[in-house]
Amino acid sequence: QVQLVESGGGLVQPGGSLRLSCAASGSIDSLHVMGWHRQAPGKQRESVALISNFGRTDYADSVKGRFTISRDNAKNTVSLQMSNVKPEDTAVYYCRLSMTGKDYWGQGTQVTVSS
């Protein structure tokens, strides 16, 4: 089993910054992808940013140039640095870890962008 614990959500003003973190524990394969997804009210969950254990990254077009995903393989943590946030970034953000045939999700952390 794998457990994911997120932290760092909250209220931030438009144009501000916020950093989300996710710590993974348990039986984690050497080959896996970690990432962040989000779900806004009334919308489907969408991928925000992904990073492989080799450091390859992929971003949603809506966050490119504003968000940066990073990871610490030794600590099994993944972070999302959010900059120049917009009201449309408001959502519950979920950490995800994907291994061959298995997906694990965190409990989610609320991010609200509002003045």
PDB file of N, CA and C in Angstrom:
ATOM      1  N   GLN A   1       0.831  -1.195   0.000  1.00  0.00           N
ATOM      2  CA  GLN A   1       0.000   0.000   0.000  1.00  0.00           C
ATOM      3  C   GLN A   1       0.870   1.252   0.000  1.00  0.00           C
ATOM      4  N   VAL A   2       0.293   2.311  -0.555  1.00  0.00           N
ATOM      5  CA  VAL A   2       0.970   3.603  -0.607  1.00  0.00           C
ATOM      6  C   VAL A   2       0.072   4.648   0.023  1.00  0.00           C
ATOM      7  N   GLN A   3       0.655   5.515   0.818  1.00  0.00           N
ATOM      8  CA  GLN A   3      -0.103   6.615   1.414  1.00  0.00           C
ATOM      9  C   GLN A   3       0.485   7.938   0.914  1.00  0.00           C
ATOM     10  N   LEU A   4      -0.408   8.865   0.611  1.00  0.00           N
ATOM     11  CA  LEU A   4      -0.013  10.199   0.151  1.00  0.00           C
ATOM     12  C   LEU A   4      -0.643  11.236   1.073  1.00  0.00           C
ATOM     13  N   VAL A   5       0.183  12.138   1.569  1.00  0.00           N
ATOM     14  CA  VAL A   5      -0.307  13.183   2.460  1.00  0.00           C
ATOM     15  C   VAL A   5       0.089  14.531   1.890  1.00  0.00           C
ATOM     16  N   GLU A   6      -0.921  15.352   1.583  1.00  0.00           N
ATOM     17  CA  GLU A   6      -0.687  16.669   1.011  1.00  0.00           C
ATOM     18  C   GLU A   6      -0.693  17.746   2.095  1.00  0.00           C
ATOM     19  N   SER A   7      -0.049  18.843   1.792  1.00  0.00           N
ATOM     20  CA  SER A   7      -0.069  20.001   2.677  1.00  0.00           C
ATOM     21  C   SER A   7       0.195  21.255   1.846  1.00  0.00           C
ATOM     22  N   GLY A   8      -0.170  22.409   2.422  1.00  0.00           N
ATOM     23  CA  GLY A   8       0.185  23.671   1.799  1.00  0.00           C
ATOM     24  C   GLY A   8      -0.940  24.434   1.145  1.00  0.00           C
ATOM     25  N   GLY A   9      -2.143  23.905   1.132  1.00  0.00           N
ATOM     26  CA  GLY A   9      -3.236  24.639   0.522  1.00  0.00           C
ATOM     27  C   GLY A   9      -3.648  25.823   1.369  1.00  0.00           C
ATOM     28  N   GLY A  10      -4.563  26.631   0.820  1.00  0.00           N
ATOM     29  CA  GLY A  10      -5.058  27.775   1.564  1.00  0.00           C
ATOM     30  C   GLY A  10      -5.594  28.853   0.660  1.00  0.00           C
ATOM     31  N   LEU A  11      -5.728  30.038   1.231  1.00  0.00           N
ATOM     32  CA  LEU A  11      -6.257  31.200   0.515  1.00  0.00           C
ATOM     33  C   LEU A  11      -5.095  32.073   0.050  1.00  0.00           C
ATOM     34  N   VAL A  12      -5.127  32.456  -1.208  1.00  0.00           N
ATOM     35  CA  VAL A  12      -4.069  33.308  -1.757  1.00  0.00           C
ATOM     36  C   VAL A  12      -4.702  34.331  -2.689  1.00  0.00           C
ATOM     37  N   GLN A  13      -4.127  35.508  -2.729  1.00  0.00           N
ATOM     38  CA  GLN A  13      -4.653  36.561  -3.589  1.00  0.00           C
ATOM     39  C   GLN A  13      -4.203  36.353  -5.036  1.00  0.00           C
ATOM     40  N   PRO A  14      -4.990  36.826  -5.983  1.00  0.00           N
ATOM     41  CA  PRO A  14      -4.564  36.747  -7.386  1.00  0.00           C
ATOM     42  C   PRO A  14      -3.188  37.380  -7.568  1.00  0.00           C
ATOM     43  N   GLY A  15      -2.350  36.701  -8.339  1.00  0.00           N
ATOM     44  CA  GLY A  15      -0.990  37.168  -8.547  1.00  0.00           C
ATOM     45  C   GLY A  15      -0.006  36.676  -7.504  1.00  0.00           C
ATOM     46  N   GLY A  16      -0.508  36.055  -6.470  1.00  0.00           N
ATOM     47  CA  GLY A  16       0.343  35.564  -5.397  1.00  0.00           C
ATOM     48  C   GLY A  16       0.920  34.192  -5.676  1.00  0.00           C
ATOM     49  N   SER A  17       1.578  33.640  -4.654  1.00  0.00           N
ATOM     50  CA  SER A  17       2.237  32.346  -4.787  1.00  0.00           C
ATOM     51  C   SER A  17       1.819  31.423  -3.648  1.00  0.00           C
ATOM     52  N   LEU A  18       1.920  30.140  -3.947  1.00  0.00           N
ATOM     53  CA  LEU A  18       1.585  29.117  -2.959  1.00  0.00           C
ATOM     54  C   LEU A  18       2.361  27.866  -3.307  1.00  0.00           C
ATOM     55  N   ARG A  19       2.757  27.111  -2.296  1.00  0.00           N
ATOM     56  CA  ARG A  19       3.501  25.875  -2.537  1.00  0.00           C
ATOM     57  C   ARG A  19       2.779  24.712  -1.896  1.00  0.00           C
ATOM     58  N   LEU A  20       2.504  23.696  -2.704  1.00  0.00           N
ATOM     59  CA  LEU A  20       1.897  22.467  -2.220  1.00  0.00           C
ATOM     60  C   LEU A  20       2.966  21.380  -2.118  1.00  0.00           C
ATOM     61  N   SER A  21       2.820  20.540  -1.112  1.00  0.00           N
ATOM     62  CA  SER A  21       3.753  19.428  -0.945  1.00  0.00           C
ATOM     63  C   SER A  21       2.988  18.137  -0.721  1.00  0.00           C
ATOM     64  N   CYS A  22       3.613  17.032  -1.117  1.00  0.00           N
ATOM     65  CA  CYS A  22       2.999  15.718  -0.954  1.00  0.00           C
ATOM     66  C   CYS A  22       4.087  14.729  -0.567  1.00  0.00           C
ATOM     67  N   ALA A  23       3.843  14.015   0.521  1.00  0.00           N
ATOM     68  CA  ALA A  23       4.792  13.007   0.988  1.00  0.00           C
ATOM     69  C   ALA A  23       4.199  11.621   0.761  1.00  0.00           C
ATOM     70  N   ALA A  24       4.962  10.772   0.100  1.00  0.00           N
ATOM     71  CA  ALA A  24       4.520   9.407  -0.180  1.00  0.00           C
ATOM     72  C   ALA A  24       5.251   8.429   0.720  1.00  0.00           C
ATOM     73  N   SER A  25       4.532   7.412   1.170  1.00  0.00           N
ATOM     74  CA  SER A  25       5.139   6.369   1.985  1.00  0.00           C
ATOM     75  C   SER A  25       4.527   5.028   1.621  1.00  0.00           C
ATOM     76  N   GLY A  26       5.246   3.965   1.937  1.00  0.00           N
ATOM     77  CA  GLY A  26       4.742   2.633   1.634  1.00  0.00           C
ATOM     78  C   GLY A  26       5.592   1.936   0.594  1.00  0.00           C
ATOM     79  N   SER A  27       4.999   0.977  -0.102  1.00  0.00           N
ATOM     80  CA  SER A  27       5.699   0.173  -1.101  1.00  0.00           C
ATOM     81  C   SER A  27       5.634   0.869  -2.466  1.00  0.00           C
ATOM     82  N   ILE A  28       6.685   1.580  -2.790  1.00  0.00           N
ATOM     83  CA  ILE A  28       6.722   2.376  -4.016  1.00  0.00           C
ATOM     84  C   ILE A  28       7.711   1.764  -4.993  1.00  0.00           C
ATOM     85  N   ASP A  29       7.245   1.453  -6.195  1.00  0.00           N
ATOM     86  CA  ASP A  29       8.116   0.905  -7.223  1.00  0.00           C
ATOM     87  C   ASP A  29       9.168   1.930  -7.637  1.00  0.00           C
ATOM     88  N   SER A  30      10.291   1.433  -8.135  1.00  0.00           N
ATOM     89  CA  SER A  30      11.343   2.347  -8.574  1.00  0.00           C
ATOM     90  C   SER A  30      10.898   3.173  -9.781  1.00  0.00           C
ATOM     91  N   LEU A  31      10.022   2.591 -10.605  1.00  0.00           N
ATOM     92  CA  LEU A  31       9.512   3.310 -11.765  1.00  0.00           C
ATOM     93  C   LEU A  31       8.102   3.791 -11.456  1.00  0.00           C
ATOM     94  N   HIS A  32       7.920   5.095 -11.390  1.00  0.00           N
ATOM     95  CA  HIS A  32       6.593   5.625 -11.115  1.00  0.00           C
ATOM     96  C   HIS A  32       6.541   7.088 -11.515  1.00  0.00           C
ATOM     97  N   VAL A  33       5.356   7.596 -11.582  1.00  0.00           N
ATOM     98  CA  VAL A  33       5.127   9.004 -11.894  1.00  0.00           C
ATOM     99  C   VAL A  33       4.336   9.618 -10.748  1.00  0.00           C
ATOM    100  N   MET A  34       4.734  10.800 -10.343  1.00  0.00           N
ATOM    101  CA  MET A  34       3.966  11.542  -9.343  1.00  0.00           C
ATOM    102  C   MET A  34       3.439  12.815  -9.995  1.00  0.00           C
ATOM    103  N   GLY A  35       2.351  13.292  -9.461  1.00  0.00           N
ATOM    104  CA  GLY A  35       1.795  14.488 -10.075  1.00  0.00           C
ATOM    105  C   GLY A  35       0.721  15.135  -9.241  1.00  0.00           C
ATOM    106  N   TRP A  36       0.225  16.232  -9.780  1.00  0.00           N
ATOM    107  CA  TRP A  36      -0.859  16.988  -9.156  1.00  0.00           C
ATOM    108  C   TRP A  36      -2.016  17.096 -10.132  1.00  0.00           C
ATOM    109  N   HIS A  37      -3.203  16.888  -9.604  1.00  0.00           N
ATOM    110  CA  HIS A  37      -4.433  17.065 -10.348  1.00  0.00           C
ATOM    111  C   HIS A  37      -5.311  18.021  -9.548  1.00  0.00           C
ATOM    112  N   ARG A  38      -6.312  18.564 -10.188  1.00  0.00           N
ATOM    113  CA  ARG A  38      -7.211  19.456  -9.474  1.00  0.00           C
ATOM    114  C   ARG A  38      -8.631  19.273  -9.972  1.00  0.00           C
ATOM    115  N   GLN A  39      -9.552  19.625  -9.077  1.00  0.00           N
ATOM    116  CA  GLN A  39     -10.962  19.550  -9.431  1.00  0.00           C
ATOM    117  C   GLN A  39     -11.672  20.770  -8.872  1.00  0.00           C
ATOM    118  N   ALA A  40     -12.210  21.563  -9.774  1.00  0.00           N
ATOM    119  CA  ALA A  40     -12.985  22.736  -9.387  1.00  0.00           C
ATOM    120  C   ALA A  40     -14.457  22.333  -9.270  1.00  0.00           C
ATOM    121  N   PRO A  41     -15.241  23.096  -8.513  1.00  0.00           N
ATOM    122  CA  PRO A  41     -16.669  22.771  -8.356  1.00  0.00           C
ATOM    123  C   PRO A  41     -17.366  22.666  -9.711  1.00  0.00           C
ATOM    124  N   GLY A  42     -18.086  21.576  -9.903  1.00  0.00           N
ATOM    125  CA  GLY A  42     -18.830  21.393 -11.134  1.00  0.00           C
ATOM    126  C   GLY A  42     -18.014  20.985 -12.334  1.00  0.00           C
ATOM    127  N   LYS A  43     -16.730  20.737 -12.132  1.00  0.00           N
ATOM    128  CA  LYS A  43     -15.859  20.371 -13.249  1.00  0.00           C
ATOM    129  C   LYS A  43     -15.210  19.020 -12.993  1.00  0.00           C
ATOM    130  N   GLN A  44     -14.707  18.430 -14.078  1.00  0.00           N
ATOM    131  CA  GLN A  44     -14.009  17.161 -13.947  1.00  0.00           C
ATOM    132  C   GLN A  44     -12.595  17.376 -13.411  1.00  0.00           C
ATOM    133  N   ARG A  45     -12.079  16.350 -12.782  1.00  0.00           N
ATOM    134  CA  ARG A  45     -10.699  16.414 -12.310  1.00  0.00           C
ATOM    135  C   ARG A  45      -9.767  16.461 -13.518  1.00  0.00           C
ATOM    136  N   GLU A  46      -8.748  17.318 -13.431  1.00  0.00           N
ATOM    137  CA  GLU A  46      -7.825  17.470 -14.545  1.00  0.00           C
ATOM    138  C   GLU A  46      -6.381  17.395 -14.058  1.00  0.00           C
ATOM    139  N   SER A  47      -5.521  16.956 -14.965  1.00  0.00           N
ATOM    140  CA  SER A  47      -4.103  16.904 -14.650  1.00  0.00           C
ATOM    141  C   SER A  47      -3.512  18.307 -14.691  1.00  0.00           C
ATOM    142  N   VAL A  48      -2.693  18.624 -13.724  1.00  0.00           N
ATOM    143  CA  VAL A  48      -2.029  19.923 -13.648  1.00  0.00           C
ATOM    144  C   VAL A  48      -0.553  19.785 -14.032  1.00  0.00           C
ATOM    145  N   ALA A  49       0.144  18.886 -13.371  1.00  0.00           N
ATOM    146  CA  ALA A  49       1.570  18.704 -13.634  1.00  0.00           C
ATOM    147  C   ALA A  49       1.984  17.296 -13.216  1.00  0.00           C
ATOM    148  N   LEU A  50       2.900  16.719 -14.000  1.00  0.00           N
ATOM    149  CA  LEU A  50       3.400  15.379 -13.719  1.00  0.00           C
ATOM    150  C   LEU A  50       4.918  15.386 -13.749  1.00  0.00           C
ATOM    151  N   ILE A  51       5.529  14.483 -12.982  1.00  0.00           N
ATOM    152  CA  ILE A  51       6.975  14.346 -13.007  1.00  0.00           C
ATOM    153  C   ILE A  51       7.338  12.872 -12.795  1.00  0.00           C
ATOM    154  N   SER A  52       8.194  12.368 -13.654  1.00  0.00           N
ATOM    155  CA  SER A  52       8.624  10.975 -13.520  1.00  0.00           C
ATOM    156  C   SER A  52       9.770  10.880 -12.522  1.00  0.00           C
ATOM    157  N   ASN A  53      10.122   9.659 -12.158  1.00  0.00           N
ATOM    158  CA  ASN A  53      11.235   9.501 -11.222  1.00  0.00           C
ATOM    159  C   ASN A  53      12.558   9.883 -11.895  1.00  0.00           C
ATOM    160  N   PHE A  54      12.562  10.056 -13.230  1.00  0.00           N
ATOM    161  CA  PHE A  54      13.749  10.531 -13.940  1.00  0.00           C
ATOM    162  C   PHE A  54      13.754  12.055 -14.062  1.00  0.00           C
ATOM    163  N   GLY A  55      12.677  12.688 -13.595  1.00  0.00           N
ATOM    164  CA  GLY A  55      12.622  14.145 -13.626  1.00  0.00           C
ATOM    165  C   GLY A  55      11.949  14.743 -14.838  1.00  0.00           C
ATOM    166  N   ARG A  56      11.403  13.908 -15.706  1.00  0.00           N
ATOM    167  CA  ARG A  56      10.692  14.437 -16.873  1.00  0.00           C
ATOM    168  C   ARG A  56       9.366  15.030 -16.415  1.00  0.00           C
ATOM    169  N   THR A  57       9.054  16.225 -16.893  1.00  0.00           N
ATOM    170  CA  THR A  57       7.852  16.925 -16.454  1.00  0.00           C
ATOM    171  C   THR A  57       6.880  17.160 -17.603  1.00  0.00           C
ATOM    172  N   ASP A  58       5.626  17.342 -17.215  1.00  0.00           N
ATOM    173  CA  ASP A  58       4.581  17.649 -18.184  1.00  0.00           C
ATOM    174  C   ASP A  58       3.562  18.545 -17.485  1.00  0.00           C
ATOM    175  N   TYR A  59       3.144  19.600 -18.173  1.00  0.00           N
ATOM    176  CA  TYR A  59       2.233  20.574 -17.566  1.00  0.00           C
ATOM    177  C   TYR A  59       0.988  20.779 -18.425  1.00  0.00           C
ATOM    178  N   ALA A  60      -0.099  21.087 -17.766  1.00  0.00           N
ATOM    179  CA  ALA A  60      -1.290  21.528 -18.478  1.00  0.00           C
ATOM    180  C   ALA A  60      -0.992  22.891 -19.089  1.00  0.00           C
ATOM    181  N   ASP A  61      -1.563  23.157 -20.244  1.00  0.00           N
ATOM    182  CA  ASP A  61      -1.306  24.431 -20.916  1.00  0.00           C
ATOM    183  C   ASP A  61      -1.685  25.613 -20.033  1.00  0.00           C
ATOM    184  N   SER A  62      -2.720  25.445 -19.233  1.00  0.00           N
ATOM    185  CA  SER A  62      -3.235  26.545 -18.419  1.00  0.00           C
ATOM    186  C   SER A  62      -2.277  26.978 -17.309  1.00  0.00           C
ATOM    187  N   VAL A  63      -1.290  26.137 -16.985  1.00  0.00           N
ATOM    188  CA  VAL A  63      -0.381  26.488 -15.885  1.00  0.00           C
ATOM    189  C   VAL A  63       1.062  26.636 -16.334  1.00  0.00           C
ATOM    190  N   LYS A  64       1.342  26.367 -17.586  1.00  0.00           N
ATOM    191  CA  LYS A  64       2.722  26.467 -18.084  1.00  0.00           C
ATOM    192  C   LYS A  64       3.258  27.873 -17.859  1.00  0.00           C
ATOM    193  N   GLY A  65       4.480  27.948 -17.356  1.00  0.00           N
ATOM    194  CA  GLY A  65       5.107  29.229 -17.083  1.00  0.00           C
ATOM    195  C   GLY A  65       4.742  29.825 -15.730  1.00  0.00           C
ATOM    196  N   ARG A  66       3.753  29.225 -15.053  1.00  0.00           N
ATOM    197  CA  ARG A  66       3.335  29.739 -13.746  1.00  0.00           C
ATOM    198  C   ARG A  66       3.573  28.721 -12.617  1.00  0.00           C
ATOM    199  N   PHE A  67       3.398  27.451 -12.928  1.00  0.00           N
ATOM    200  CA  PHE A  67       3.568  26.403 -11.921  1.00  0.00           C
ATOM    201  C   PHE A  67       4.824  25.597 -12.225  1.00  0.00           C
ATOM    202  N   THR A  68       5.469  25.133 -11.162  1.00  0.00           N
ATOM    203  CA  THR A  68       6.648  24.293 -11.315  1.00  0.00           C
ATOM    204  C   THR A  68       6.536  23.091 -10.398  1.00  0.00           C
ATOM    205  N   ILE A  69       6.682  21.911 -10.974  1.00  0.00           N
ATOM    206  CA  ILE A  69       6.646  20.682 -10.182  1.00  0.00           C
ATOM    207  C   ILE A  69       8.078  20.205  -9.955  1.00  0.00           C
ATOM    208  N   SER A  70       8.323  19.700  -8.769  1.00  0.00           N
ATOM    209  CA  SER A  70       9.641  19.175  -8.448  1.00  0.00           C
ATOM    210  C   SER A  70       9.488  18.001  -7.492  1.00  0.00           C
ATOM    211  N   ARG A  71      10.544  17.236  -7.342  1.00  0.00           N
ATOM    212  CA  ARG A  71      10.465  16.088  -6.453  1.00  0.00           C
ATOM    213  C   ARG A  71      11.809  15.825  -5.802  1.00  0.00           C
ATOM    214  N   ASP A  72      11.725  15.125  -4.669  1.00  0.00           N
ATOM    215  CA  ASP A  72      12.911  14.680  -3.960  1.00  0.00           C
ATOM    216  C   ASP A  72      12.797  13.158  -3.885  1.00  0.00           C
ATOM    217  N   ASN A  73      13.545  12.477  -4.723  1.00  0.00           N
ATOM    218  CA  ASN A  73      13.426  11.021  -4.784  1.00  0.00           C
ATOM    219  C   ASN A  73      13.844  10.350  -3.480  1.00  0.00           C
ATOM    220  N   ALA A  74      14.814  10.922  -2.807  1.00  0.00           N
ATOM    221  CA  ALA A  74      15.297  10.322  -1.567  1.00  0.00           C
ATOM    222  C   ALA A  74      14.214  10.355  -0.486  1.00  0.00           C
ATOM    223  N   LYS A  75      13.387  11.401  -0.517  1.00  0.00           N
ATOM    224  CA  LYS A  75      12.343  11.556   0.497  1.00  0.00           C
ATOM    225  C   LYS A  75      10.963  11.157  -0.007  1.00  0.00           C
ATOM    226  N   ASN A  76      10.870  10.801  -1.293  1.00  0.00           N
ATOM    227  CA  ASN A  76       9.570  10.464  -1.897  1.00  0.00           C
ATOM    228  C   ASN A  76       8.558  11.585  -1.710  1.00  0.00           C
ATOM    229  N   THR A  77       8.980  12.787  -2.005  1.00  0.00           N
ATOM    230  CA  THR A  77       8.086  13.934  -1.922  1.00  0.00           C
ATOM    231  C   THR A  77       7.998  14.617  -3.281  1.00  0.00           C
ATOM    232  N   VAL A  78       6.869  15.228  -3.525  1.00  0.00           N
ATOM    233  CA  VAL A  78       6.668  16.016  -4.736  1.00  0.00           C
ATOM    234  C   VAL A  78       6.042  17.336  -4.324  1.00  0.00           C
ATOM    235  N   SER A  79       6.464  18.407  -4.959  1.00  0.00           N
ATOM    236  CA  SER A  79       5.970  19.740  -4.629  1.00  0.00           C
ATOM    237  C   SER A  79       5.464  20.441  -5.882  1.00  0.00           C
ATOM    238  N   LEU A  80       4.567  21.362  -5.672  1.00  0.00           N
ATOM    239  CA  LEU A  80       4.048  22.189  -6.756  1.00  0.00           C
ATOM    240  C   LEU A  80       4.156  23.645  -6.326  1.00  0.00           C
ATOM    241  N   GLN A  81       5.048  24.375  -6.968  1.00  0.00           N
ATOM    242  CA  GLN A  81       5.190  25.799  -6.713  1.00  0.00           C
ATOM    243  C   GLN A  81       4.267  26.535  -7.661  1.00  0.00           C
ATOM    244  N   MET A  82       3.296  27.227  -7.080  1.00  0.00           N
ATOM    245  CA  MET A  82       2.304  27.945  -7.856  1.00  0.00           C
ATOM    246  C   MET A  82       2.611  29.437  -7.780  1.00  0.00           C
ATOM    247  N   SER A  83       2.789  30.068  -8.916  1.00  0.00           N
ATOM    248  CA  SER A  83       3.080  31.500  -8.964  1.00  0.00           C
ATOM    249  C   SER A  83       2.076  32.192  -9.876  1.00  0.00           C
ATOM    250  N   ASN A  84       1.931  33.501  -9.659  1.00  0.00           N
ATOM    251  CA  ASN A  84       0.999  34.287 -10.462  1.00  0.00           C
ATOM    252  C   ASN A  84      -0.350  33.571 -10.575  1.00  0.00           C
ATOM    253  N   VAL A  85      -0.878  33.166  -9.440  1.00  0.00           N
ATOM    254  CA  VAL A  85      -2.119  32.392  -9.452  1.00  0.00           C
ATOM    255  C   VAL A  85      -3.288  33.252  -9.891  1.00  0.00           C
ATOM    256  N   LYS A  86      -4.288  32.574 -10.442  1.00  0.00           N
ATOM    257  CA  LYS A  86      -5.475  33.233 -10.956  1.00  0.00           C
ATOM    258  C   LYS A  86      -6.717  32.650 -10.274  1.00  0.00           C
ATOM    259  N   PRO A  87      -7.819  33.393 -10.278  1.00  0.00           N
ATOM    260  CA  PRO A  87      -9.047  32.851  -9.660  1.00  0.00           C
ATOM    261  C   PRO A  87      -9.445  31.498 -10.239  1.00  0.00           C
ATOM    262  N   GLU A  88      -9.172  31.281 -11.508  1.00  0.00           N
ATOM    263  CA  GLU A  88      -9.522  29.999 -12.123  1.00  0.00           C
ATOM    264  C   GLU A  88      -8.643  28.840 -11.658  1.00  0.00           C
ATOM    265  N   ASP A  89      -7.621  29.126 -10.860  1.00  0.00           N
ATOM    266  CA  ASP A  89      -6.825  28.059 -10.258  1.00  0.00           C
ATOM    267  C   ASP A  89      -7.476  27.511  -8.994  1.00  0.00           C
ATOM    268  N   THR A  90      -8.558  28.131  -8.562  1.00  0.00           N
ATOM    269  CA  THR A  90      -9.269  27.670  -7.375  1.00  0.00           C
ATOM    270  C   THR A  90      -9.806  26.262  -7.593  1.00  0.00           C
ATOM    271  N   ALA A  91      -9.441  25.348  -6.699  1.00  0.00           N
ATOM    272  CA  ALA A  91      -9.843  23.950  -6.837  1.00  0.00           C
ATOM    273  C   ALA A  91      -9.310  23.167  -5.643  1.00  0.00           C
ATOM    274  N   VAL A  92      -9.749  21.932  -5.550  1.00  0.00           N
ATOM    275  CA  VAL A  92      -9.109  20.994  -4.646  1.00  0.00           C
ATOM    276  C   VAL A  92      -7.990  20.321  -5.425  1.00  0.00           C
ATOM    277  N   TYR A  93      -6.801  20.362  -4.871  1.00  0.00           N
ATOM    278  CA  TYR A  93      -5.631  19.800  -5.534  1.00  0.00           C
ATOM    279  C   TYR A  93      -5.295  18.442  -4.903  1.00  0.00           C
ATOM    280  N   TYR A  94      -5.097  17.464  -5.770  1.00  0.00           N
ATOM    281  CA  TYR A  94      -4.828  16.102  -5.333  1.00  0.00           C
ATOM    282  C   TYR A  94      -3.449  15.655  -5.802  1.00  0.00           C
ATOM    283  N   CYS A  95      -2.743  15.020  -4.919  1.00  0.00           N
ATOM    284  CA  CYS A  95      -1.478  14.386  -5.262  1.00  0.00           C
ATOM    285  C   CYS A  95      -1.777  12.977  -5.778  1.00  0.00           C
ATOM    286  N   ARG A  96      -1.042  12.558  -6.783  1.00  0.00           N
ATOM    287  CA  ARG A  96      -1.247  11.231  -7.376  1.00  0.00           C
ATOM    288  C   ARG A  96       0.091  10.548  -7.590  1.00  0.00           C
ATOM    289  N   LEU A  97       0.122   9.256  -7.322  1.00  0.00           N
ATOM    290  CA  LEU A  97       1.296   8.442  -7.611  1.00  0.00           C
ATOM    291  C   LEU A  97       0.843   7.262  -8.465  1.00  0.00           C
ATOM    292  N   SER A  98       1.452   7.108  -9.621  1.00  0.00           N
ATOM    293  CA  SER A  98       1.065   6.047 -10.555  1.00  0.00           C
ATOM    294  C   SER A  98       2.221   5.077 -10.756  1.00  0.00           C
ATOM    295  N   MET A  99       1.935   3.801 -10.509  1.00  0.00           N
ATOM    296  CA  MET A  99       2.882   2.727 -10.792  1.00  0.00           C
ATOM    297  C   MET A  99       2.198   1.785 -11.766  1.00  0.00           C
ATOM    298  N   THR A 100       2.904   0.816 -12.255  1.00  0.00           N
ATOM    299  CA  THR A 100       2.338  -0.118 -13.215  1.00  0.00           C
ATOM    300  C   THR A 100       1.078  -0.756 -12.652  1.00  0.00           C
ATOM    301  N   GLY A 101      -0.049  -0.424 -13.243  1.00  0.00           N
ATOM    302  CA  GLY A 101      -1.317  -1.018 -12.854  1.00  0.00           C
ATOM    303  C   GLY A 101      -1.919  -0.500 -11.573  1.00  0.00           C
ATOM    304  N   LYS A 102      -1.297   0.524 -10.978  1.00  0.00           N
ATOM    305  CA  LYS A 102      -1.820   1.025  -9.704  1.00  0.00           C
ATOM    306  C   LYS A 102      -1.787   2.551  -9.667  1.00  0.00           C
ATOM    307  N   ASP A 103      -2.837   3.118  -9.101  1.00  0.00           N
ATOM    308  CA  ASP A 103      -2.940   4.557  -8.906  1.00  0.00           C
ATOM    309  C   ASP A 103      -3.280   4.837  -7.453  1.00  0.00           C
ATOM    310  N   TYR A 104      -2.591   5.803  -6.878  1.00  0.00           N
ATOM    311  CA  TYR A 104      -2.875   6.204  -5.504  1.00  0.00           C
ATOM    312  C   TYR A 104      -3.112   7.714  -5.470  1.00  0.00           C
ATOM    313  N   TRP A 105      -4.047   8.116  -4.608  1.00  0.00           N
ATOM    314  CA  TRP A 105      -4.417   9.529  -4.501  1.00  0.00           C
ATOM    315  C   TRP A 105      -4.328   9.995  -3.064  1.00  0.00           C
ATOM    316  N   GLY A 106      -3.987  11.259  -2.910  1.00  0.00           N
ATOM    317  CA  GLY A 106      -4.056  11.883  -1.610  1.00  0.00           C
ATOM    318  C   GLY A 106      -5.479  12.317  -1.316  1.00  0.00           C
ATOM    319  N   GLN A 107      -5.666  12.892  -0.136  1.00  0.00           N
ATOM    320  CA  GLN A 107      -7.016  13.277   0.296  1.00  0.00           C
ATOM    321  C   GLN A 107      -7.449  14.610  -0.278  1.00  0.00           C
ATOM    322  N   GLY A 108      -6.517  15.359  -0.844  1.00  0.00           N
ATOM    323  CA  GLY A 108      -6.845  16.645  -1.451  1.00  0.00           C
ATOM    324  C   GLY A 108      -6.611  17.804  -0.511  1.00  0.00           C
ATOM    325  N   THR A 109      -6.224  18.932  -1.094  1.00  0.00           N
ATOM    326  CA  THR A 109      -6.041  20.155  -0.313  1.00  0.00           C
ATOM    327  C   THR A 109      -6.650  21.317  -1.096  1.00  0.00           C
ATOM    328  N   GLN A 110      -7.409  22.146  -0.401  1.00  0.00           N
ATOM    329  CA  GLN A 110      -8.146  23.238  -1.055  1.00  0.00           C
ATOM    330  C   GLN A 110      -7.213  24.414  -1.329  1.00  0.00           C
ATOM    331  N   VAL A 111      -7.278  24.910  -2.543  1.00  0.00           N
ATOM    332  CA  VAL A 111      -6.598  26.150  -2.917  1.00  0.00           C
ATOM    333  C   VAL A 111      -7.666  27.125  -3.398  1.00  0.00           C
ATOM    334  N   THR A 112      -7.716  28.281  -2.763  1.00  0.00           N
ATOM    335  CA  THR A 112      -8.692  29.308  -3.131  1.00  0.00           C
ATOM    336  C   THR A 112      -7.942  30.578  -3.491  1.00  0.00           C
ATOM    337  N   VAL A 113      -8.178  31.060  -4.701  1.00  0.00           N
ATOM    338  CA  VAL A 113      -7.546  32.294  -5.167  1.00  0.00           C
ATOM    339  C   VAL A 113      -8.622  33.374  -5.197  1.00  0.00           C
ATOM    340  N   SER A 114      -8.479  34.340  -4.303  1.00  0.00           N
ATOM    341  CA  SER A 114      -9.502  35.367  -4.179  1.00  0.00           C
ATOM    342  C   SER A 114      -8.917  36.580  -3.483  1.00  0.00           C
ATOM    343  N   SER A 115      -9.427  37.743  -3.863  1.00  0.00           N
ATOM    344  CA  SER A 115      -8.997  38.959  -3.186  1.00  0.00           C
ATOM    345  C   SER A 115      -9.949  39.300  -2.046  1.00  0.00           C
TER     346      SER A 115
END
